[in-house]
């Protein structure tokens, strides 16, 4: 269950919900069914960071404003969960080092950001963030 805690979306257990910001560039470039790769498929220098993020399983919300834009997508069946929550087109993630009600420790500007209820829809192009530069990232 997702709720708006003011600073962004969170689970009812108090865990912040994240989006993978560079996903926007893949969509903008028209890649067919762009998928964020599993942690094991990332470059070695990012695997330690990426491995702390997990797809948020299919979710619901009692808030009509959130529920209207909350969907799910099928993930590659080799990993769990197979159905990932998606908000306004953005696949959603949890960070395993966050604590309930604590700060959003998984926020990495330009890579993973907390999802806000008013995040621009993923498919709306011009308002979307872009990939970090060649040397961008954590």
C-alpha atoms as a PDB file:
ATOM      1  CA  UNK A   1       0.000   0.000   0.000  1.00  0.00           C
ATOM      2  CA  UNK A   2       1.409   3.404  -0.981  1.00  0.00           C
ATOM      3  CA  UNK A   3       0.810   6.712   0.773  1.00  0.00           C
ATOM      4  CA  UNK A   4       1.984  10.298   0.307  1.00  0.00           C
ATOM      5  CA  UNK A   5       4.098  11.338   3.300  1.00  0.00           C
ATOM      6  CA  UNK A   6       4.596  14.878   2.015  1.00  0.00           C
ATOM      7  CA  UNK A   7       8.244  14.366   1.052  1.00  0.00           C
ATOM      8  CA  UNK A   8       7.229  11.687  -1.436  1.00  0.00           C
ATOM      9  CA  UNK A   9       5.553   8.340  -1.820  1.00  0.00           C
ATOM     10  CA  UNK A  10       6.218   5.637   0.747  1.00  0.00           C
ATOM     11  CA  UNK A  11       4.883   2.274   1.755  1.00  0.00           C
ATOM     12  CA  UNK A  12       2.482   2.189   4.692  1.00  0.00           C
ATOM     13  CA  UNK A  13       5.440   0.735   6.599  1.00  0.00           C
ATOM     14  CA  UNK A  14       7.266   4.060   6.141  1.00  0.00           C
ATOM     15  CA  UNK A  15       9.775   3.081   3.450  1.00  0.00           C
ATOM     16  CA  UNK A  16      10.521   5.661   0.738  1.00  0.00           C
ATOM     17  CA  UNK A  17       9.741   4.676  -2.855  1.00  0.00           C
ATOM     18  CA  UNK A  18      12.277   5.457  -5.589  1.00  0.00           C
ATOM     19  CA  UNK A  19      12.413   5.836  -9.358  1.00  0.00           C
ATOM     20  CA  UNK A  20      15.412   5.156 -11.577  1.00  0.00           C
ATOM     21  CA  UNK A  21      15.947   8.562 -13.200  1.00  0.00           C
ATOM     22  CA  UNK A  22      17.973   7.424 -16.272  1.00  0.00           C
ATOM     23  CA  UNK A  23      15.044   5.261 -17.360  1.00  0.00           C
ATOM     24  CA  UNK A  24      13.561   8.431 -18.868  1.00  0.00           C
ATOM     25  CA  UNK A  25      16.327   8.674 -21.470  1.00  0.00           C
ATOM     26  CA  UNK A  26      15.728   5.090 -22.618  1.00  0.00           C
ATOM     27  CA  UNK A  27      12.042   5.863 -23.084  1.00  0.00           C
ATOM     28  CA  UNK A  28      12.822   9.128 -24.855  1.00  0.00           C
ATOM     29  CA  UNK A  29      15.164   7.342 -27.250  1.00  0.00           C
ATOM     30  CA  UNK A  30      12.344   4.997 -28.161  1.00  0.00           C
ATOM     31  CA  UNK A  31      14.053   1.820 -27.023  1.00  0.00           C
ATOM     32  CA  UNK A  32      11.601  -1.070 -27.348  1.00  0.00           C
ATOM     33  CA  UNK A  33      10.343  -2.032 -23.884  1.00  0.00           C
ATOM     34  CA  UNK A  34      13.276  -0.502 -22.011  1.00  0.00           C
ATOM     35  CA  UNK A  35      14.027  -2.453 -18.864  1.00  0.00           C
ATOM     36  CA  UNK A  36      16.290  -1.525 -15.998  1.00  0.00           C
ATOM     37  CA  UNK A  37      18.824  -4.377 -15.811  1.00  0.00           C
ATOM     38  CA  UNK A  38      19.231  -6.570 -12.737  1.00  0.00           C
ATOM     39  CA  UNK A  39      22.098  -5.596 -10.421  1.00  0.00           C
ATOM     40  CA  UNK A  40      24.303  -8.472 -11.626  1.00  0.00           C
ATOM     41  CA  UNK A  41      24.182  -7.027 -15.166  1.00  0.00           C
ATOM     42  CA  UNK A  42      25.525  -3.597 -14.175  1.00  0.00           C
ATOM     43  CA  UNK A  43      29.150  -2.501 -14.505  1.00  0.00           C
ATOM     44  CA  UNK A  44      31.174  -3.746 -11.515  1.00  0.00           C
ATOM     45  CA  UNK A  45      31.753  -0.216 -10.147  1.00  0.00           C
ATOM     46  CA  UNK A  46      27.958   0.260  -9.760  1.00  0.00           C
ATOM     47  CA  UNK A  47      26.927  -3.214  -8.604  1.00  0.00           C
ATOM     48  CA  UNK A  48      27.537  -2.460  -4.918  1.00  0.00           C
ATOM     49  CA  UNK A  49      25.159   0.498  -5.067  1.00  0.00           C
ATOM     50  CA  UNK A  50      22.549  -0.950  -7.404  1.00  0.00           C
ATOM     51  CA  UNK A  51      22.229  -4.198  -5.455  1.00  0.00           C
ATOM     52  CA  UNK A  52      20.566  -2.267  -2.598  1.00  0.00           C
ATOM     53  CA  UNK A  53      17.534  -1.430  -4.757  1.00  0.00           C
ATOM     54  CA  UNK A  54      14.716  -3.908  -5.231  1.00  0.00           C
ATOM     55  CA  UNK A  55      11.645  -3.671  -7.458  1.00  0.00           C
ATOM     56  CA  UNK A  56       8.567  -2.747  -5.430  1.00  0.00           C
ATOM     57  CA  UNK A  57       6.029  -5.562  -5.853  1.00  0.00           C
ATOM     58  CA  UNK A  58       2.633  -4.721  -7.301  1.00  0.00           C
ATOM     59  CA  UNK A  59       1.028  -2.199  -4.920  1.00  0.00           C
ATOM     60  CA  UNK A  60      -2.228  -0.392  -4.204  1.00  0.00           C
ATOM     61  CA  UNK A  61      -3.200   2.890  -2.573  1.00  0.00           C
ATOM     62  CA  UNK A  62      -6.294   4.142  -0.773  1.00  0.00           C
ATOM     63  CA  UNK A  63      -5.619   7.603  -2.184  1.00  0.00           C
ATOM     64  CA  UNK A  64      -7.620   8.056  -5.403  1.00  0.00           C
ATOM     65  CA  UNK A  65      -5.004  10.523  -6.667  1.00  0.00           C
ATOM     66  CA  UNK A  66      -2.230   7.926  -6.312  1.00  0.00           C
ATOM     67  CA  UNK A  67      -4.303   4.866  -7.272  1.00  0.00           C
ATOM     68  CA  UNK A  68      -5.332   6.366 -10.606  1.00  0.00           C
ATOM     69  CA  UNK A  69      -1.697   6.420 -11.804  1.00  0.00           C
ATOM     70  CA  UNK A  70      -0.532   3.244 -10.059  1.00  0.00           C
ATOM     71  CA  UNK A  71      -0.120   0.235 -12.344  1.00  0.00           C
ATOM     72  CA  UNK A  72       2.246  -2.725 -12.625  1.00  0.00           C
ATOM     73  CA  UNK A  73       4.604  -4.185 -15.191  1.00  0.00           C
ATOM     74  CA  UNK A  74       5.776  -7.726 -15.718  1.00  0.00           C
ATOM     75  CA  UNK A  75       9.449  -8.266 -14.966  1.00  0.00           C
ATOM     76  CA  UNK A  76      11.710 -10.930 -16.398  1.00  0.00           C
ATOM     77  CA  UNK A  77      10.482 -14.103 -14.721  1.00  0.00           C
ATOM     78  CA  UNK A  78      13.998 -15.088 -13.628  1.00  0.00           C
ATOM     79  CA  UNK A  79      13.908 -12.714 -10.664  1.00  0.00           C
ATOM     80  CA  UNK A  80      11.292 -11.804  -8.063  1.00  0.00           C
ATOM     81  CA  UNK A  81       8.992  -9.989  -7.906  1.00  0.00           C
ATOM     82  CA  UNK A  82       7.617 -10.764 -11.354  1.00  0.00           C
ATOM     83  CA  UNK A  83       5.094  -7.905 -11.147  1.00  0.00           C
ATOM     84  CA  UNK A  84       6.607  -4.523 -10.332  1.00  0.00           C
ATOM     85  CA  UNK A  85       4.639  -1.467  -9.243  1.00  0.00           C
ATOM     86  CA  UNK A  86       4.711   1.448 -11.702  1.00  0.00           C
ATOM     87  CA  UNK A  87       3.595   5.010 -10.938  1.00  0.00           C
ATOM     88  CA  UNK A  88       2.924   7.411 -13.825  1.00  0.00           C
ATOM     89  CA  UNK A  89       5.046   5.132 -16.014  1.00  0.00           C
ATOM     90  CA  UNK A  90       8.010   5.007 -13.584  1.00  0.00           C
ATOM     91  CA  UNK A  91       9.000   1.538 -12.291  1.00  0.00           C
ATOM     92  CA  UNK A  92       9.207   1.743  -8.483  1.00  0.00           C
ATOM     93  CA  UNK A  93      11.980   0.561  -6.176  1.00  0.00           C
ATOM     94  CA  UNK A  94      12.765   0.182  -2.473  1.00  0.00           C
ATOM     95  CA  UNK A  95      16.210   0.699  -0.908  1.00  0.00           C
ATOM     96  CA  UNK A  96      17.188  -2.044   1.513  1.00  0.00           C
ATOM     97  CA  UNK A  97      19.188   0.242   3.836  1.00  0.00           C
ATOM     98  CA  UNK A  98      16.245   2.566   4.530  1.00  0.00           C
ATOM     99  CA  UNK A  99      14.546   2.310   7.907  1.00  0.00           C
ATOM    100  CA  UNK A 100      10.810   2.801   8.480  1.00  0.00           C
ATOM    101  CA  UNK A 101      10.029   6.497   8.859  1.00  0.00           C
ATOM    102  CA  UNK A 102      13.688   7.425   8.481  1.00  0.00           C
ATOM    103  CA  UNK A 103      15.398   9.561   5.867  1.00  0.00           C
ATOM    104  CA  UNK A 104      15.504   8.409   2.255  1.00  0.00           C
ATOM    105  CA  UNK A 105      19.047   7.024   2.299  1.00  0.00           C
ATOM    106  CA  UNK A 106      18.680   5.622  -1.202  1.00  0.00           C
ATOM    107  CA  UNK A 107      18.436   9.025  -2.868  1.00  0.00           C
ATOM    108  CA  UNK A 108      21.293   9.405  -5.355  1.00  0.00           C
ATOM    109  CA  UNK A 109      20.703  12.578  -7.430  1.00  0.00           C
ATOM    110  CA  UNK A 110      20.501  11.774 -11.124  1.00  0.00           C
ATOM    111  CA  UNK A 111      20.295   8.029 -10.486  1.00  0.00           C
ATOM    112  CA  UNK A 112      17.630   7.123  -7.897  1.00  0.00           C
ATOM    113  CA  UNK A 113      15.195   9.743  -6.574  1.00  0.00           C
ATOM    114  CA  UNK A 114      12.199   9.588  -4.261  1.00  0.00           C
ATOM    115  CA  UNK A 115       8.931   9.498  -6.204  1.00  0.00           C
ATOM    116  CA  UNK A 116       6.630  12.443  -5.554  1.00  0.00           C
ATOM    117  CA  UNK A 117       2.898  12.312  -6.292  1.00  0.00           C
ATOM    118  CA  UNK A 118       3.345  15.001  -8.960  1.00  0.00           C
ATOM    119  CA  UNK A 119       6.318  13.386 -10.755  1.00  0.00           C
ATOM    120  CA  UNK A 120       5.954  14.063 -14.497  1.00  0.00           C
ATOM    121  CA  UNK A 121       4.622  11.033 -16.365  1.00  0.00           C
ATOM    122  CA  UNK A 122       7.446   9.040 -17.879  1.00  0.00           C
ATOM    123  CA  UNK A 123       6.184   9.306 -21.451  1.00  0.00           C
ATOM    124  CA  UNK A 124       5.893  13.111 -21.514  1.00  0.00           C
ATOM    125  CA  UNK A 125       9.399  13.690 -22.870  1.00  0.00           C
ATOM    126  CA  UNK A 126      10.531  17.287 -22.403  1.00  0.00           C
ATOM    127  CA  UNK A 127       9.924  17.517 -18.657  1.00  0.00           C
ATOM    128  CA  UNK A 128      11.936  14.392 -17.942  1.00  0.00           C
ATOM    129  CA  UNK A 129      15.424  14.244 -16.494  1.00  0.00           C
ATOM    130  CA  UNK A 130      18.264  12.994 -18.675  1.00  0.00           C
ATOM    131  CA  UNK A 131      20.930  10.323 -18.274  1.00  0.00           C
ATOM    132  CA  UNK A 132      23.915  11.312 -16.191  1.00  0.00           C
ATOM    133  CA  UNK A 133      26.951  12.115 -18.320  1.00  0.00           C
ATOM    134  CA  UNK A 134      29.524   9.506 -19.246  1.00  0.00           C
ATOM    135  CA  UNK A 135      31.172  10.003 -15.860  1.00  0.00           C
ATOM    136  CA  UNK A 136      27.909  10.523 -13.989  1.00  0.00           C
ATOM    137  CA  UNK A 137      26.561   8.288 -11.290  1.00  0.00           C
ATOM    138  CA  UNK A 138      27.644   7.519  -7.745  1.00  0.00           C
END
